[in-house]
Structures are given as structure tokens and as C-alpha cells.
Amino acid sequence: MDVVVERFRRQLAYPAVGVSGQERLAKSKIAIVGLGALGSTIAERLARCGVGWIRLIDRDWVELDNLPRQALYTLHDAEYHLPKSIAAANHIAAIDPKIHVEPKVCDLSHRNAVELLQGVDIVLDGTDNFEARYLINDVCVSLGSPWVHAGIIGASGQAMLVEPGKTACFRCLLPDPPPIESMQTCDSVGVLGPAVGVIASWQALLSMKWMVQGGKERMSHDEQLGQSANTSTLSIFELWSGEVRNVSLHRMPNCPTCVEKRFEFLAGTGVSDTKVLCGKNAVQIHVPEGRKVDLAMLSERLRKSGTVFETPFLVRFSVDSYRITVFPDGRGIVDGTENPDEARKIFSRWIGS
């Protein structure tokens, strides 16, 4: 028996895939942005399905508290602080050494996003912050590339396929980033590993269907729901209670991204920036202009996770070896590091972005 046929025989037996679908998977190129709980699971699922070319993009490293929900990684990865993209590439090579894997140890930004996301057939969102999702949306809409968005917190998640020119985009779903003080993060609220697996597997399935169909047909799932052009299906999962529902998302008539073609996040006008504060072992994070913070609300949210000091002018939050100060204009200072990437990680983890 042919090795490929033997390896994928049960997948080949499924009529919607078959030989032609498996061949399309083998020829497909994908990029996964963020290799945490969602992204690492997506990477493993699609590698095992037979996707032939995978670009892995992540700025982070494997830590011990990743292991309960990031199933691709091992204790060895955490002990050696391996970058997630490198660790993921190693494990994918162990699953199938024939897969072409490109690990990229970097932070996706407006400066490198086009270079990192062009030349692939579909992009998968494994990120944990809104800024990155708006940036992915900008790049994919500008390039005409499909992408699969998802997010999860606690046991609640959502996912949808965005096909530029055919469906609504992420900014139709969420025209502007939510207020910083209202953002919940996995560190402040928690997340359940089995729930992550469900959402990531759904993302992988959405992208697999798109690749198997050659990207030429609308998703049969949408057709069954009677979806029209310019409409996306947002699947919402309340997994603790076992509820799943599909919502039709229509293209926003004045969407800045998919209608007006204004790519603010790609241009760098809608993104935050960092600056090392000389001699202070701290990094200052500037958020996009116009974002304001309700300090009282932010303080109330953070008190569950660490020590909070609040004045009318700032909120100071201490956790582990870091101290994060947030001002009403959204600007923040992370004390305890002079590494901008680490500071952004800590700020995003506890405050949001």
C-alpha cells in the first residue's frame, strides 16, 4: 500500500476529502499566528491532517503553566525555555518530517506582517489580543487572503472564517477594540484546556474544509444556513453548559477595512508602541491615540489576581516580579524588564491589548 494512502486512509475514506482533497491539503501553505493554547493545537491538528507547508509565528517561549492547555509542548520545552515556534516545529517534524515548516521567532507587527503572511493560502489566528487580530484582518483583506479567527476565555469561545470579497470581516464583527478596563484575559479569568481543544479543532476544521474545497466554493455549512454573499457565520460556544449557536454576521456598509479599504492597523496608526525607560528597568507602552481607561473598573478586575494600588491618576498592579502602571490615557509602564517583547507580553497578559 502507498505510504500516503496508508497514513491517511481513514481521512481519504471520508467522501468530502477523498484523494483530490488530500492532494490539495498536501499542496496547501498555511500560516499560524500565535502558538499558545489555540495555535499549538491548530498546528498539530493540521500537521496530522497532511497540510504540506506550515509557517509558525510566535514571539513567546514555553513556560510551565502553559502545559495544562498547550498540548503540543512538553516539560522539556518548558525547562529549556524553548521559543514556541521552535518547539512546535520540532514536534511537527516528529509527527511528519515531510512537512515543510518555517518557524519564525518574532512579534507580528505592522512592520513585518505583510512579509510574514503573504504567499500562504490561509492564515489561522492563534493570538490572544485584539490588536494582533485587527492587524491580521488588515493584512488578509489587503492581500485577498482568507483567515480563520477564534478566541476563547474560560470555557467560552468563538470562531469564524473570513474570506475577503465574499464575507464580512473581523472589523464588521467588532468595529473598534473594546475598552482596556473591560478586557478579560486568560490569566485574570482562566481558561480550560478541553475547551481550548474544541475551539482550536473547529478552527482547524474550517480551514481544512476551505483547503479541501480548493477555496473555490462557499462553505457548505454556510449554504445550509442560507447564507448570502457578504455574510459570515460566527460560531459561538458556551462549552461549560454545552451550548453552541451560529450567528449570521453581515458586512458592515461602512466597514473601514473590507468596504473602505482603510488599513489603519497595517499602517501603524492603530497599534501600540514600546519605549525602554533608561536606567529604570522598565518599558513604557503607548496605546493608540484616543483610547481611554476607566481606572476604577480596571482596578476592580485586577484585584482578584494581585496587589492593586489605585489613585485618581493611575492604577498600579503588582504580580510575580513585575509592576504594571496604567494611566487614564491607556499608556502603561511595565517595571521589572527592559525587554520590549517581554513587556508587551506581560501587559497583554494582564491588562489586554
Foldseek 3Di string as FASTA:
>chain_A
DDPVCVLCVVVLPPVLQHPLLLVLQQVFAEEEAAQALQRLLLLVVSLSSRRAEYEYEEQAWDAPVRPQARPQDDPVRRVVRHRRLVSSVVSSCVVPVRHHYHYDNDHDALVCPLVRGPPGQEYEYPDFADLVQLLNQQNCLVRQHKYKDKYDEALKMKIWIDGQPFAATVCLVPVDDDALLPDDFCQLRNYHNVSSNVGSVVRSVVVSSCSSVVVPDDRVVCVVVVHDTHWMWMWIAPDVVGDIDIDIRHHDCVRCPRHVNDSCRSVVQQAKDWDFDPPQQKIKIGGHFPRFHDQVSNQVSQVSPADWDDDPAWIWGDDDQWIWIAGGRGMIMIHDHRDPVVNVVVCCRRRGD
